[in-house]
């Protein structure tokens, strides 16, 4: 599923997507997701590979809520 591809990335786990396309192209471009379709040779080859790039936070650092709360606090503290 599309959600699982993104969750695998967040968990820093390589993903093999047995589909011909994905809506999460950034996980492909980052080297942490491989599209194989239903081709057994491609699936086996992908399973034998490591991610081609170092993991980096594609979706932010996970601190947006704290930043937003700080901004709101500053607005109402004035």
PDB file of N, CA and C in Angstrom:
ATOM      1  N   UNK A   1       0.840  -1.190   0.000  1.00  0.00           N
ATOM      2  CA  UNK A   1       0.000   0.000   0.000  1.00  0.00           C
ATOM      3  C   UNK A   1       0.875   1.240   0.000  1.00  0.00           C
ATOM      4  N   UNK A   2       0.317   2.343  -0.397  1.00  0.00           N
ATOM      5  CA  UNK A   2       1.050   3.595  -0.400  1.00  0.00           C
ATOM      6  C   UNK A   2       1.482   4.009   0.992  1.00  0.00           C
ATOM      7  N   UNK A   3       0.594   3.832   1.969  1.00  0.00           N
ATOM      8  CA  UNK A   3       0.927   4.218   3.338  1.00  0.00           C
ATOM      9  C   UNK A   3       2.085   3.422   3.895  1.00  0.00           C
ATOM     10  N   UNK A   4       2.149   2.160   3.581  1.00  0.00           N
ATOM     11  CA  UNK A   4       3.226   1.312   4.085  1.00  0.00           C
ATOM     12  C   UNK A   4       4.580   1.744   3.531  1.00  0.00           C
ATOM     13  N   UNK A   5       4.609   2.210   2.297  1.00  0.00           N
ATOM     14  CA  UNK A   5       5.861   2.687   1.713  1.00  0.00           C
ATOM     15  C   UNK A   5       6.422   3.854   2.516  1.00  0.00           C
ATOM     16  N   UNK A   6       5.541   4.766   2.881  1.00  0.00           N
ATOM     17  CA  UNK A   6       5.966   5.946   3.632  1.00  0.00           C
ATOM     18  C   UNK A   6       6.338   5.555   5.065  1.00  0.00           C
ATOM     19  N   UNK A   7       5.562   4.666   5.671  1.00  0.00           N
ATOM     20  CA  UNK A   7       5.874   4.209   7.029  1.00  0.00           C
ATOM     21  C   UNK A   7       7.213   3.497   7.072  1.00  0.00           C
ATOM     22  N   UNK A   8       7.515   2.704   6.063  1.00  0.00           N
ATOM     23  CA  UNK A   8       8.814   2.023   6.015  1.00  0.00           C
ATOM     24  C   UNK A   8       9.928   3.060   5.989  1.00  0.00           C
ATOM     25  N   UNK A   9       9.735   4.124   5.231  1.00  0.00           N
ATOM     26  CA  UNK A   9      10.755   5.172   5.175  1.00  0.00           C
ATOM     27  C   UNK A   9      10.950   5.820   6.538  1.00  0.00           C
ATOM     28  N   UNK A  10       9.852   6.158   7.210  1.00  0.00           N
ATOM     29  CA  UNK A  10       9.951   6.773   8.543  1.00  0.00           C
ATOM     30  C   UNK A  10      10.688   5.859   9.523  1.00  0.00           C
ATOM     31  N   UNK A  11      10.504   4.552   9.363  1.00  0.00           N
ATOM     32  CA  UNK A  11      11.146   3.579  10.251  1.00  0.00           C
ATOM     33  C   UNK A  11      12.561   3.215   9.781  1.00  0.00           C
ATOM     34  N   UNK A  12      13.013   3.890   8.713  1.00  0.00           N
ATOM     35  CA  UNK A  12      14.351   3.667   8.152  1.00  0.00           C
ATOM     36  C   UNK A  12      14.554   2.227   7.687  1.00  0.00           C
ATOM     37  N   UNK A  13      13.492   1.680   7.088  1.00  0.00           N
ATOM     38  CA  UNK A  13      13.527   0.319   6.545  1.00  0.00           C
ATOM     39  C   UNK A  13      13.390   0.377   5.027  1.00  0.00           C
ATOM     40  N   UNK A  14      14.257  -0.278   4.297  1.00  0.00           N
ATOM     41  CA  UNK A  14      14.106  -0.315   2.843  1.00  0.00           C
ATOM     42  C   UNK A  14      12.770  -0.961   2.471  1.00  0.00           C
ATOM     43  N   UNK A  15      12.221  -0.546   1.342  1.00  0.00           N
ATOM     44  CA  UNK A  15      10.905  -1.034   0.919  1.00  0.00           C
ATOM     45  C   UNK A  15      10.980  -1.527  -0.516  1.00  0.00           C
ATOM     46  N   UNK A  16      10.331  -2.642  -0.769  1.00  0.00           N
ATOM     47  CA  UNK A  16      10.155  -3.153  -2.125  1.00  0.00           C
ATOM     48  C   UNK A  16       8.669  -3.050  -2.423  1.00  0.00           C
ATOM     49  N   UNK A  17       8.326  -2.280  -3.434  1.00  0.00           N
ATOM     50  CA  UNK A  17       6.929  -2.078  -3.791  1.00  0.00           C
ATOM     51  C   UNK A  17       6.612  -2.901  -5.025  1.00  0.00           C
ATOM     52  N   UNK A  18       5.752  -3.876  -4.848  1.00  0.00           N
ATOM     53  CA  UNK A  18       5.401  -4.795  -5.927  1.00  0.00           C
ATOM     54  C   UNK A  18       4.222  -4.191  -6.704  1.00  0.00           C
ATOM     55  N   UNK A  19       4.506  -3.043  -7.264  1.00  0.00           N
ATOM     56  CA  UNK A  19       3.565  -2.308  -8.106  1.00  0.00           C
ATOM     57  C   UNK A  19       4.377  -1.697  -9.245  1.00  0.00           C
ATOM     58  N   UNK A  20       3.686  -1.186 -10.249  1.00  0.00           N
ATOM     59  CA  UNK A  20       4.375  -0.568 -11.382  1.00  0.00           C
ATOM     60  C   UNK A  20       4.565   0.935 -11.214  1.00  0.00           C
ATOM     61  N   UNK A  21       3.864   1.525 -10.257  1.00  0.00           N
ATOM     62  CA  UNK A  21       4.015   2.955 -10.000  1.00  0.00           C
ATOM     63  C   UNK A  21       3.677   3.252  -8.548  1.00  0.00           C
ATOM     64  N   UNK A  22       4.086   4.417  -8.091  1.00  0.00           N
ATOM     65  CA  UNK A  22       3.811   4.824  -6.719  1.00  0.00           C
ATOM     66  C   UNK A  22       3.556   6.314  -6.671  1.00  0.00           C
ATOM     67  N   UNK A  23       2.763   6.734  -5.720  1.00  0.00           N
ATOM     68  CA  UNK A  23       2.526   8.158  -5.516  1.00  0.00           C
ATOM     69  C   UNK A  23       3.619   8.779  -4.643  1.00  0.00           C
ATOM     70  N   UNK A  24       4.479   7.954  -4.046  1.00  0.00           N
ATOM     71  CA  UNK A  24       5.544   8.430  -3.161  1.00  0.00           C
ATOM     72  C   UNK A  24       6.882   8.374  -3.885  1.00  0.00           C
ATOM     73  N   UNK A  25       7.001   9.125  -4.945  1.00  0.00           N
ATOM     74  CA  UNK A  25       8.211   9.080  -5.775  1.00  0.00           C
ATOM     75  C   UNK A  25       9.460   9.511  -5.005  1.00  0.00           C
ATOM     76  N   UNK A  26       9.294  10.337  -3.970  1.00  0.00           N
ATOM     77  CA  UNK A  26      10.465  10.766  -3.200  1.00  0.00           C
ATOM     78  C   UNK A  26      11.130   9.596  -2.491  1.00  0.00           C
ATOM     79  N   UNK A  27      10.380   8.549  -2.147  1.00  0.00           N
ATOM     80  CA  UNK A  27      11.005   7.384  -1.516  1.00  0.00           C
ATOM     81  C   UNK A  27      11.805   6.582  -2.540  1.00  0.00           C
ATOM     82  N   UNK A  28      11.378   6.618  -3.791  1.00  0.00           N
ATOM     83  CA  UNK A  28      12.132   5.985  -4.880  1.00  0.00           C
ATOM     84  C   UNK A  28      13.409   6.786  -5.139  1.00  0.00           C
ATOM     85  N   UNK A  29      13.244   8.103  -5.267  1.00  0.00           N
ATOM     86  CA  UNK A  29      14.376   8.983  -5.566  1.00  0.00           C
ATOM     87  C   UNK A  29      15.430   8.947  -4.464  1.00  0.00           C
ATOM     88  N   UNK A  30      14.998   8.700  -3.231  1.00  0.00           N
ATOM     89  CA  UNK A  30      15.943   8.648  -2.115  1.00  0.00           C
ATOM     90  C   UNK A  30      16.678   7.312  -2.049  1.00  0.00           C
ATOM     91  N   UNK A  31      16.249   6.346  -2.859  1.00  0.00           N
ATOM     92  CA  UNK A  31      16.911   5.044  -2.887  1.00  0.00           C
ATOM     93  C   UNK A  31      16.424   4.077  -1.823  1.00  0.00           C
ATOM     94  N   UNK A  32      15.378   4.439  -1.091  1.00  0.00           N
ATOM     95  CA  UNK A  32      14.879   3.592  -0.008  1.00  0.00           C
ATOM     96  C   UNK A  32      13.648   2.785  -0.392  1.00  0.00           C
ATOM     97  N   UNK A  33      13.175   2.947  -1.596  1.00  0.00           N
ATOM     98  CA  UNK A  33      12.028   2.199  -2.088  1.00  0.00           C
ATOM     99  C   UNK A  33      12.347   1.792  -3.516  1.00  0.00           C
ATOM    100  N   UNK A  34      12.006   0.566  -3.869  1.00  0.00           N
ATOM    101  CA  UNK A  34      12.253   0.053  -5.211  1.00  0.00           C
ATOM    102  C   UNK A  34      10.959  -0.466  -5.794  1.00  0.00           C
ATOM    103  N   UNK A  35      10.604   0.006  -6.974  1.00  0.00           N
ATOM    104  CA  UNK A  35       9.446  -0.519  -7.693  1.00  0.00           C
ATOM    105  C   UNK A  35       9.876  -1.729  -8.503  1.00  0.00           C
ATOM    106  N   UNK A  36       9.166  -2.826  -8.344  1.00  0.00           N
ATOM    107  CA  UNK A  36       9.534  -4.033  -9.076  1.00  0.00           C
ATOM    108  C   UNK A  36       8.416  -4.568  -9.965  1.00  0.00           C
ATOM    109  N   UNK A  37       7.196  -4.102  -9.740  1.00  0.00           N
ATOM    110  CA  UNK A  37       6.086  -4.764 -10.404  1.00  0.00           C
ATOM    111  C   UNK A  37       6.014  -6.191  -9.863  1.00  0.00           C
ATOM    112  N   UNK A  38       5.343  -7.062 -10.574  1.00  0.00           N
ATOM    113  CA  UNK A  38       5.195  -8.458 -10.125  1.00  0.00           C
ATOM    114  C   UNK A  38       6.231  -9.364 -10.779  1.00  0.00           C
ATOM    115  N   UNK A  39       7.435  -8.841 -10.969  1.00  0.00           N
ATOM    116  CA  UNK A  39       8.500  -9.582 -11.647  1.00  0.00           C
ATOM    117  C   UNK A  39       9.429 -10.211 -10.611  1.00  0.00           C
ATOM    118  N   UNK A  40       9.421 -11.522 -10.534  1.00  0.00           N
ATOM    119  CA  UNK A  40      10.170 -12.220  -9.482  1.00  0.00           C
ATOM    120  C   UNK A  40      11.668 -11.902  -9.504  1.00  0.00           C
ATOM    121  N   UNK A  41      12.276 -11.809 -10.672  1.00  0.00           N
ATOM    122  CA  UNK A  41      13.717 -11.511 -10.736  1.00  0.00           C
ATOM    123  C   UNK A  41      14.012 -10.120 -10.184  1.00  0.00           C
ATOM    124  N   UNK A  42      13.136  -9.142 -10.473  1.00  0.00           N
ATOM    125  CA  UNK A  42      13.325  -7.789  -9.954  1.00  0.00           C
ATOM    126  C   UNK A  42      13.134  -7.751  -8.444  1.00  0.00           C
ATOM    127  N   UNK A  43      12.176  -8.522  -7.954  1.00  0.00           N
ATOM    128  CA  UNK A  43      11.921  -8.576  -6.509  1.00  0.00           C
ATOM    129  C   UNK A  43      13.134  -9.161  -5.790  1.00  0.00           C
ATOM    130  N   UNK A  44      13.656 -10.260  -6.298  1.00  0.00           N
ATOM    131  CA  UNK A  44      14.822 -10.905  -5.688  1.00  0.00           C
ATOM    132  C   UNK A  44      16.029  -9.971  -5.729  1.00  0.00           C
ATOM    133  N   UNK A  45      16.245  -9.331  -6.857  1.00  0.00           N
ATOM    134  CA  UNK A  45      17.364  -8.394  -6.985  1.00  0.00           C
ATOM    135  C   UNK A  45      17.227  -7.238  -5.988  1.00  0.00           C
ATOM    136  N   UNK A  46      16.040  -6.682  -5.866  1.00  0.00           N
ATOM    137  CA  UNK A  46      15.813  -5.576  -4.932  1.00  0.00           C
ATOM    138  C   UNK A  46      16.042  -6.015  -3.492  1.00  0.00           C
ATOM    139  N   UNK A  47      15.659  -7.243  -3.168  1.00  0.00           N
ATOM    140  CA  UNK A  47      15.822  -7.753  -1.798  1.00  0.00           C
ATOM    141  C   UNK A  47      17.299  -7.924  -1.443  1.00  0.00           C
ATOM    142  N   UNK A  48      18.144  -8.073  -2.433  1.00  0.00           N
ATOM    143  CA  UNK A  48      19.568  -8.268  -2.196  1.00  0.00           C
ATOM    144  C   UNK A  48      20.349  -6.960  -2.140  1.00  0.00           C
ATOM    145  N   UNK A  49      19.677  -5.846  -2.387  1.00  0.00           N
ATOM    146  CA  UNK A  49      20.323  -4.537  -2.414  1.00  0.00           C
ATOM    147  C   UNK A  49      20.122  -3.780  -1.102  1.00  0.00           C
ATOM    148  N   UNK A  50      21.051  -2.904  -0.801  1.00  0.00           N
ATOM    149  CA  UNK A  50      20.917  -1.966   0.314  1.00  0.00           C
ATOM    150  C   UNK A  50      20.479  -0.627  -0.257  1.00  0.00           C
ATOM    151  N   UNK A  51      19.906   0.249   0.570  1.00  0.00           N
ATOM    152  CA  UNK A  51      19.536   1.572   0.061  1.00  0.00           C
ATOM    153  C   UNK A  51      20.742   2.258  -0.587  1.00  0.00           C
ATOM    154  N   UNK A  52      20.489   2.953  -1.681  1.00  0.00           N
ATOM    155  CA  UNK A  52      21.588   3.564  -2.440  1.00  0.00           C
ATOM    156  C   UNK A  52      22.041   4.904  -1.865  1.00  0.00           C
ATOM    157  N   UNK A  53      21.281   5.451  -0.933  1.00  0.00           N
ATOM    158  CA  UNK A  53      21.632   6.742  -0.351  1.00  0.00           C
ATOM    159  C   UNK A  53      21.434   6.707   1.163  1.00  0.00           C
ATOM    160  N   UNK A  54      22.103   7.610   1.849  1.00  0.00           N
ATOM    161  CA  UNK A  54      21.941   7.751   3.294  1.00  0.00           C
ATOM    162  C   UNK A  54      20.526   8.244   3.593  1.00  0.00           C
ATOM    163  N   UNK A  55      19.920   7.736   4.662  1.00  0.00           N
ATOM    164  CA  UNK A  55      18.583   8.165   5.059  1.00  0.00           C
ATOM    165  C   UNK A  55      18.623   9.627   5.493  1.00  0.00           C
ATOM    166  N   UNK A  56      17.655  10.389   5.038  1.00  0.00           N
ATOM    167  CA  UNK A  56      17.507  11.769   5.479  1.00  0.00           C
ATOM    168  C   UNK A  56      16.020  12.077   5.628  1.00  0.00           C
ATOM    169  N   UNK A  57      15.664  13.004   6.491  1.00  0.00           N
ATOM    170  CA  UNK A  57      14.241  13.274   6.745  1.00  0.00           C
ATOM    171  C   UNK A  57      13.576  13.992   5.568  1.00  0.00           C
ATOM    172  N   UNK A  58      12.870  13.251   4.752  1.00  0.00           N
ATOM    173  CA  UNK A  58      12.177  13.821   3.600  1.00  0.00           C
ATOM    174  C   UNK A  58      10.940  14.608   4.007  1.00  0.00           C
ATOM    175  N   UNK A  59      10.399  14.291   5.157  1.00  0.00           N
ATOM    176  CA  UNK A  59       9.104  14.855   5.553  1.00  0.00           C
ATOM    177  C   UNK A  59       9.218  15.758   6.780  1.00  0.00           C
ATOM    178  N   UNK A  60      10.380  16.315   7.018  1.00  0.00           N
ATOM    179  CA  UNK A  60      10.572  17.192   8.162  1.00  0.00           C
ATOM    180  C   UNK A  60      11.255  16.463   9.306  1.00  0.00           C
ATOM    181  N   UNK A  61      11.463  17.190  10.377  1.00  0.00           N
ATOM    182  CA  UNK A  61      12.191  16.667  11.534  1.00  0.00           C
ATOM    183  C   UNK A  61      11.272  16.131  12.641  1.00  0.00           C
ATOM    184  N   UNK A  62       9.960  16.258  12.460  1.00  0.00           N
ATOM    185  CA  UNK A  62       9.026  15.781  13.478  1.00  0.00           C
ATOM    186  C   UNK A  62       8.789  16.773  14.598  1.00  0.00           C
ATOM    187  N   UNK A  63       9.164  18.024  14.375  1.00  0.00           N
ATOM    188  CA  UNK A  63       9.020  19.022  15.439  1.00  0.00           C
ATOM    189  C   UNK A  63       8.060  20.153  15.069  1.00  0.00           C
ATOM    190  N   UNK A  64       7.223  19.946  14.072  1.00  0.00           N
ATOM    191  CA  UNK A  64       6.317  21.001  13.613  1.00  0.00           C
ATOM    192  C   UNK A  64       5.325  21.418  14.698  1.00  0.00           C
ATOM    193  N   UNK A  65       4.781  20.464  15.448  1.00  0.00           N
ATOM    194  CA  UNK A  65       3.778  20.800  16.470  1.00  0.00           C
ATOM    195  C   UNK A  65       4.358  21.736  17.527  1.00  0.00           C
ATOM    196  N   UNK A  66       5.560  21.483  17.979  1.00  0.00           N
ATOM    197  CA  UNK A  66       6.202  22.350  18.969  1.00  0.00           C
ATOM    198  C   UNK A  66       6.449  23.744  18.427  1.00  0.00           C
ATOM    199  N   UNK A  67       6.865  23.825  17.180  1.00  0.00           N
ATOM    200  CA  UNK A  67       7.097  25.134  16.558  1.00  0.00           C
ATOM    201  C   UNK A  67       5.788  25.919  16.438  1.00  0.00           C
ATOM    202  N   UNK A  68       4.733  25.251  16.009  1.00  0.00           N
ATOM    203  CA  UNK A  68       3.430  25.907  15.871  1.00  0.00           C
ATOM    204  C   UNK A  68       2.916  26.374  17.228  1.00  0.00           C
ATOM    205  N   UNK A  69       3.039  25.518  18.241  1.00  0.00           N
ATOM    206  CA  UNK A  69       2.595  25.896  19.587  1.00  0.00           C
ATOM    207  C   UNK A  69       3.372  27.108  20.086  1.00  0.00           C
ATOM    208  N   UNK A  70       4.664  27.167  19.814  1.00  0.00           N
ATOM    209  CA  UNK A  70       5.475  28.311  20.218  1.00  0.00           C
ATOM    210  C   UNK A  70       5.034  29.596  19.538  1.00  0.00           C
ATOM    211  N   UNK A  71       4.720  29.511  18.259  1.00  0.00           N
ATOM    212  CA  UNK A  71       4.251  30.685  17.518  1.00  0.00           C
ATOM    213  C   UNK A  71       2.921  31.174  18.081  1.00  0.00           C
ATOM    214  N   UNK A  72       1.996  30.246  18.313  1.00  0.00           N
ATOM    215  CA  UNK A  72       0.688  30.623  18.871  1.00  0.00           C
ATOM    216  C   UNK A  72       0.861  31.241  20.260  1.00  0.00           C
ATOM    217  N   UNK A  73       1.704  30.643  21.071  1.00  0.00           N
ATOM    218  CA  UNK A  73       1.959  31.184  22.415  1.00  0.00           C
ATOM    219  C   UNK A  73       2.496  32.604  22.327  1.00  0.00           C
ATOM    220  N   UNK A  74       3.436  32.850  21.434  1.00  0.00           N
ATOM    221  CA  UNK A  74       4.003  34.197  21.272  1.00  0.00           C
ATOM    222  C   UNK A  74       2.957  35.202  20.791  1.00  0.00           C
ATOM    223  N   UNK A  75       2.067  34.777  19.929  1.00  0.00           N
ATOM    224  CA  UNK A  75       1.017  35.669  19.434  1.00  0.00           C
ATOM    225  C   UNK A  75       0.110  36.116  20.575  1.00  0.00           C
ATOM    226  N   UNK A  76      -0.302  35.162  21.412  1.00  0.00           N
ATOM    227  CA  UNK A  76      -1.248  35.479  22.482  1.00  0.00           C
ATOM    228  C   UNK A  76      -0.576  36.035  23.746  1.00  0.00           C
ATOM    229  N   UNK A  77       0.731  35.907  23.833  1.00  0.00           N
ATOM    230  CA  UNK A  77       1.447  36.447  24.989  1.00  0.00           C
ATOM    231  C   UNK A  77       1.679  37.950  24.843  1.00  0.00           C
ATOM    232  N   UNK A  78       1.545  38.464  23.650  1.00  0.00           N
ATOM    233  CA  UNK A  78       1.805  39.899  23.394  1.00  0.00           C
ATOM    234  C   UNK A  78       0.702  40.784  23.896  1.00  0.00           C
TER     235      UNK A  78
END
